[in-house]
């Protein structure tokens, strides 16, 4: 416990060293854009690889890095806590760095940590707590803002809905009023047409009555004329009879 915290402090003081561990491989993968969608377990020594990539998940990447590191002249910290505590595994690790330019040094981390280490760890723990608290505060603030925005959006939505309903009612009322006005206009036009037809019919009846009266007058005139003509004929007949009578008297 505390070995990786010791490593972080060591690398901070000795930046020329390169960490060789599964934890570091995960960091390299993340910085390269390769990310595990399922995440990994919290163990720094043997975190679980779940990238969905065979070369990463089956341990091939560790074998390649170990092979390359054994021939590259650099300063390394081989951080395999469990393996370094097992004699056979430790011997296998040493064999990978058998070239003469490698100097192998074992760092044993055990016992009561020095005051400086404790101070650094306490500061780190305090900082982590502060970060978590700040993160929680930001999340709460964001959640509060989100809830407030949601209420605001809901209110705006209700206002738009109400406005749309009012506009729809207004349009419906206008359409109904227009329809009623058109129906009234049609009714009025029909009534006026009917009244006009009655007026025309009345005028037609009056005209027909006048014509009938005129015809009757003409008939009466004709009858009077016929009576006058008959009288004249009778008079002529009487005159003719008188003349014939006078002629007969002269002959006698």
Protein backbone atom coordinates (compact mmCIF):
# COMPACT_ATOMS: atom_id res chain seq x y z
CA UNK A 1 0.00 0.00 0.00
CA UNK A 2 1.34 3.43 -0.91
CA UNK A 3 3.82 2.07 -3.49
CA UNK A 4 2.36 3.97 -6.45
CA UNK A 5 2.15 7.13 -4.34
CA UNK A 6 5.90 6.68 -3.64
CA UNK A 7 6.43 6.21 -7.41
CA UNK A 8 4.60 9.45 -8.20
CA UNK A 9 6.87 11.34 -5.80
CA UNK A 10 9.99 9.60 -7.17
CA UNK A 11 9.11 10.46 -10.80
CA UNK A 12 8.40 14.04 -9.83
CA UNK A 13 11.92 14.32 -8.41
CA UNK A 14 13.51 12.20 -11.17
CA UNK A 15 11.67 13.02 -14.45
CA UNK A 16 14.40 11.21 -16.48
CA UNK A 17 12.88 7.86 -15.44
CA UNK A 18 10.09 6.13 -17.40
CA UNK A 19 7.44 4.14 -15.59
CA UNK A 20 6.76 0.63 -16.91
CA UNK A 21 3.42 -0.60 -15.57
CA UNK A 22 -0.10 -1.46 -16.61
CA UNK A 23 -1.21 1.82 -15.09
CA UNK A 24 1.14 3.71 -17.42
CA UNK A 25 -0.06 1.71 -20.44
CA UNK A 26 -3.61 2.80 -19.69
CA UNK A 27 -2.45 6.43 -19.47
CA UNK A 28 -0.64 6.12 -22.82
CA UNK A 29 -3.72 4.53 -24.38
CA UNK A 30 -5.97 7.31 -23.08
CA UNK A 31 -3.60 10.06 -24.30
CA UNK A 32 -3.55 8.35 -27.72
CA UNK A 33 -7.35 8.51 -27.95
CA UNK A 34 -7.91 4.86 -27.12
CA UNK A 35 -10.48 4.69 -24.38
CA UNK A 36 -12.19 1.85 -22.63
CA UNK A 37 -15.95 2.29 -22.80
CA UNK A 38 -16.44 0.02 -19.78
CA UNK A 39 -13.64 1.55 -17.72
CA UNK A 40 -11.21 -0.49 -15.65
CA UNK A 41 -10.86 -1.66 -12.11
CA UNK A 42 -9.22 0.71 -9.64
CA UNK A 43 -6.12 -1.44 -9.02
CA UNK A 44 -3.00 0.42 -10.13
CA UNK A 45 -0.90 -2.74 -10.16
CA UNK A 46 -3.18 -4.89 -12.30
CA UNK A 47 -6.02 -2.83 -13.74
CA UNK A 48 -8.48 -4.60 -16.02
CA UNK A 49 -8.15 -3.89 -19.73
CA UNK A 50 -11.52 -3.59 -21.53
CA UNK A 51 -10.80 -1.76 -24.75
CA UNK A 52 -12.43 -4.26 -27.06
CA UNK A 53 -9.14 -4.44 -28.98
CA UNK A 54 -7.37 -7.86 -29.00
CA UNK A 55 -3.87 -6.35 -28.88
CA UNK A 56 -4.75 -4.45 -25.74
CA UNK A 57 -7.03 -6.85 -23.89
CA UNK A 58 -4.98 -10.07 -24.33
CA UNK A 59 -1.72 -8.70 -22.87
CA UNK A 60 0.11 -8.40 -26.23
CA UNK A 61 0.91 -4.73 -25.65
CA UNK A 62 2.73 -5.54 -22.38
CA UNK A 63 4.87 -8.18 -24.12
CA UNK A 64 5.84 -5.74 -26.90
CA UNK A 65 6.75 -2.95 -24.45
CA UNK A 66 8.81 -5.34 -22.29
CA UNK A 67 10.68 -6.60 -25.36
CA UNK A 68 11.46 -3.10 -26.66
CA UNK A 69 12.39 -1.71 -23.23
CA UNK A 70 15.00 -4.45 -22.78
CA UNK A 71 17.06 -3.12 -25.71
CA UNK A 72 16.46 0.62 -25.35
CA UNK A 73 19.08 2.31 -23.10
CA UNK A 74 16.85 4.35 -20.78
CA UNK A 75 16.13 4.79 -17.10
CA UNK A 76 13.15 2.68 -16.13
CA UNK A 77 11.09 2.02 -13.03
CA UNK A 78 9.52 -1.42 -13.40
CA UNK A 79 6.44 -1.03 -11.26
CA UNK A 80 5.02 -4.52 -10.85
CA UNK A 81 4.24 -4.74 -7.12
CA UNK A 82 3.02 -8.31 -6.95
CA UNK A 83 5.54 -9.69 -9.47
CA UNK A 84 8.44 -7.92 -7.79
CA UNK A 85 7.54 -9.64 -4.51
CA UNK A 86 7.67 -13.11 -6.13
CA UNK A 87 11.23 -14.40 -6.56
CA UNK A 88 10.65 -16.29 -9.84
CA UNK A 89 8.83 -13.32 -11.43
CA UNK A 90 11.53 -10.95 -10.22
CA UNK A 91 14.22 -13.13 -11.89
CA UNK A 92 12.28 -13.06 -15.19
CA UNK A 93 12.09 -9.27 -15.03
CA UNK A 94 15.83 -8.96 -14.41
CA UNK A 95 16.58 -11.17 -17.44
CA UNK A 96 14.87 -8.63 -19.72
CA UNK A 97 17.42 -6.01 -18.70
CA UNK A 98 20.61 -8.17 -18.98
CA UNK A 99 22.47 -5.81 -21.35
CA UNK A 100 25.57 -4.15 -19.80
CA UNK A 101 24.23 -0.58 -20.00
CA UNK A 102 21.51 -1.38 -17.47
CA UNK A 103 22.21 -0.98 -13.75
CA UNK A 104 19.59 -2.78 -11.69
CA UNK A 105 18.58 -1.23 -8.34
CA UNK A 106 15.86 -2.55 -6.02
CA UNK A 107 13.81 -0.02 -4.02
CA UNK A 108 12.19 -1.59 -0.96
CA UNK A 109 9.17 0.39 0.24
CA UNK A 110 8.09 -0.77 3.66
CA UNK A 111 7.81 0.38 7.26
CA UNK A 112 6.69 3.77 8.55
CA UNK A 113 6.83 6.39 5.76
CA UNK A 114 8.92 9.53 6.36
CA UNK A 115 7.29 12.77 7.42
CA UNK A 116 7.79 14.34 3.99
CA UNK A 117 5.92 11.43 2.34
CA UNK A 118 3.11 11.73 4.88
CA UNK A 119 2.87 15.46 4.26
CA UNK A 120 2.71 14.98 0.50
CA UNK A 121 0.06 12.28 0.84
CA UNK A 122 -1.99 14.38 3.26
CA UNK A 123 -1.80 17.31 0.87
CA UNK A 124 -2.82 15.00 -2.00
CA UNK A 125 -5.72 13.59 0.01
CA UNK A 126 -6.79 17.11 0.99
CA UNK A 127 -6.52 18.22 -2.61
CA UNK A 128 -8.55 15.23 -3.78
CA UNK A 129 -11.21 16.06 -1.19
CA UNK A 130 -11.24 19.67 -2.30
CA UNK A 131 -11.53 18.62 -5.95
CA UNK A 132 -14.37 16.23 -5.09
CA UNK A 133 -16.11 18.87 -2.99
CA UNK A 134 -15.68 21.47 -5.74
CA UNK A 135 -16.88 18.98 -8.32
CA UNK A 136 -19.90 18.12 -6.17
CA UNK A 137 -20.62 21.84 -5.69
CA UNK A 138 -20.35 22.47 -9.44
CA UNK A 139 -22.56 19.49 -10.17
CA UNK A 140 -25.14 20.72 -7.63
CA UNK A 141 -24.95 24.19 -9.16
CA UNK A 142 -25.35 22.76 -12.65
CA UNK A 143 -28.26 20.60 -11.48
CA UNK A 144 -29.90 23.62 -9.87
CA UNK A 145 -29.37 25.65 -13.05
CA UNK A 146 -30.66 22.75 -15.13
CA UNK A 147 -33.79 22.51 -12.96
CA UNK A 148 -34.26 26.28 -13.17
CA UNK A 149 -33.79 26.23 -16.95
CA UNK A 150 -36.23 23.34 -17.18
CA UNK A 151 -38.86 25.30 -15.26
CA UNK A 152 -38.15 28.33 -17.44
CA UNK A 153 -38.40 26.27 -20.62
CA UNK A 154 -41.61 24.64 -19.36
CA UNK A 155 -43.05 28.07 -18.60
CA UNK A 156 -42.04 29.36 -22.03
CA UNK A 157 -43.56 26.24 -23.59
CA UNK A 158 -46.81 26.74 -21.68
CA UNK A 159 -46.92 30.40 -22.74
CA UNK A 160 -46.32 29.48 -26.39
CA UNK A 161 -48.95 26.75 -26.12
CA UNK A 162 -51.44 29.18 -24.57
CA UNK A 163 -50.70 31.80 -27.22
CA UNK A 164 -51.13 29.24 -29.99
CA UNK A 165 -54.43 28.06 -28.46
CA UNK A 166 -55.65 31.66 -28.20
CA UNK A 167 -54.65 32.35 -31.79
CA UNK A 168 -56.38 29.14 -32.88
CA UNK A 169 -59.55 30.14 -30.98
CA UNK A 170 -59.38 33.63 -32.48
CA UNK A 171 -58.98 32.25 -35.99
CA UNK A 172 -61.81 29.77 -35.37
CA UNK A 173 -64.06 32.60 -34.09
CA UNK A 174 -63.16 34.78 -37.07
CA UNK A 175 -63.84 31.88 -39.44
CA UNK A 176 -67.18 31.21 -37.69
CA UNK A 177 -68.09 34.91 -37.84
CA UNK A 178 -67.14 35.04 -41.52
CA UNK A 179 -69.17 31.91 -42.20
CA UNK A 180 -72.16 33.37 -40.33
CA UNK A 181 -71.82 36.68 -42.20
CA UNK A 182 -71.68 34.87 -45.53
CA UNK A 183 -74.71 32.78 -44.56
CA UNK A 184 -76.56 35.96 -43.50
CA UNK A 185 -75.58 37.67 -46.75
CA UNK A 186 -76.81 34.67 -48.74
CA UNK A 187 -80.05 34.62 -46.74
CA UNK A 188 -80.52 38.35 -47.28
CA UNK A 189 -79.77 38.02 -50.99
CA UNK A 190 -82.22 35.12 -51.25
CA UNK A 191 -84.88 37.16 -49.39
CA UNK A 192 -84.25 40.18 -51.64
CA UNK A 193 -84.43 37.96 -54.70
CA UNK A 194 -87.66 36.42 -53.44
CA UNK A 195 -89.07 39.90 -52.72
CA UNK A 196 -87.93 41.03 -56.15
CA UNK A 197 -89.56 38.00 -57.73
CA UNK A 198 -92.78 38.80 -55.87
CA UNK A 199 -92.58 42.41 -57.04
CA UNK A 200 -91.98 41.29 -60.60
CA UNK A 201 -94.84 38.81 -60.28
CA UNK A 202 -97.09 41.57 -58.90
CA UNK A 203 -96.09 43.90 -61.72
CA UNK A 204 -96.72 41.06 -64.14
CA UNK A 205 -100.18 40.48 -62.64
CA UNK A 206 -100.96 44.20 -62.76
CA UNK A 207 -99.79 44.37 -66.34
CA UNK A 208 -101.81 41.32 -67.21
CA UNK A 209 -104.82 42.84 -65.45
CA UNK A 210 -104.32 46.08 -67.39
CA UNK A 211 -104.04 44.14 -70.59
CA UNK A 212 -107.20 42.23 -69.68
CA UNK A 213 -108.97 45.53 -69.00
CA UNK A 214 -107.73 46.92 -72.30
CA UNK A 215 -108.87 43.81 -74.08
CA UNK A 216 -112.22 44.08 -72.38
CA UNK A 217 -112.50 47.74 -73.42
CA UNK A 218 -111.60 46.80 -76.96
CA UNK A 219 -114.25 44.12 -76.88
CA UNK A 220 -116.78 46.61 -75.57
CA UNK A 221 -115.81 49.06 -78.31
CA UNK A 222 -116.15 46.36 -80.90
CA UNK A 223 -119.55 45.38 -79.52
CA UNK A 224 -120.67 49.03 -79.51
CA UNK A 225 -119.45 49.43 -83.05
CA UNK A 226 -121.24 46.27 -84.09
CA UNK A 227 -124.46 47.57 -82.49
CA UNK A 228 -124.04 50.92 -84.33
CA UNK A 229 -123.40 49.09 -87.57
CA UNK A 230 -126.50 46.92 -87.03
CA UNK A 231 -128.59 50.03 -86.33
CA UNK A 232 -127.25 51.69 -89.43
CA UNK A 233 -128.10 48.64 -91.44
CA UNK A 234 -131.62 48.58 -90.05
CA UNK A 235 -132.01 52.25 -90.87
CA UNK A 236 -130.82 51.62 -94.38
CA UNK A 237 -133.26 48.74 -94.71
CA UNK A 238 -136.11 51.00 -93.47
CA UNK A 239 -135.02 53.70 -95.85
CA UNK A 240 -134.91 51.23 -98.70
CA UNK A 241 -138.36 49.93 -97.81
CA UNK A 242 -139.68 53.49 -97.71
CA UNK A 243 -138.17 54.22 -101.10
CA UNK A 244 -139.63 51.06 -102.56
CA UNK A 245 -142.99 51.93 -101.08
CA UNK A 246 -142.83 55.39 -102.59
CA UNK A 247 -141.94 53.92 -105.96
CA UNK A 248 -144.92 51.61 -105.82
CA UNK A 249 -147.22 54.47 -104.91
CA UNK A 250 -145.96 56.45 -107.92
CA UNK A 251 -146.73 53.58 -110.23
CA UNK A 252 -150.23 53.32 -108.95
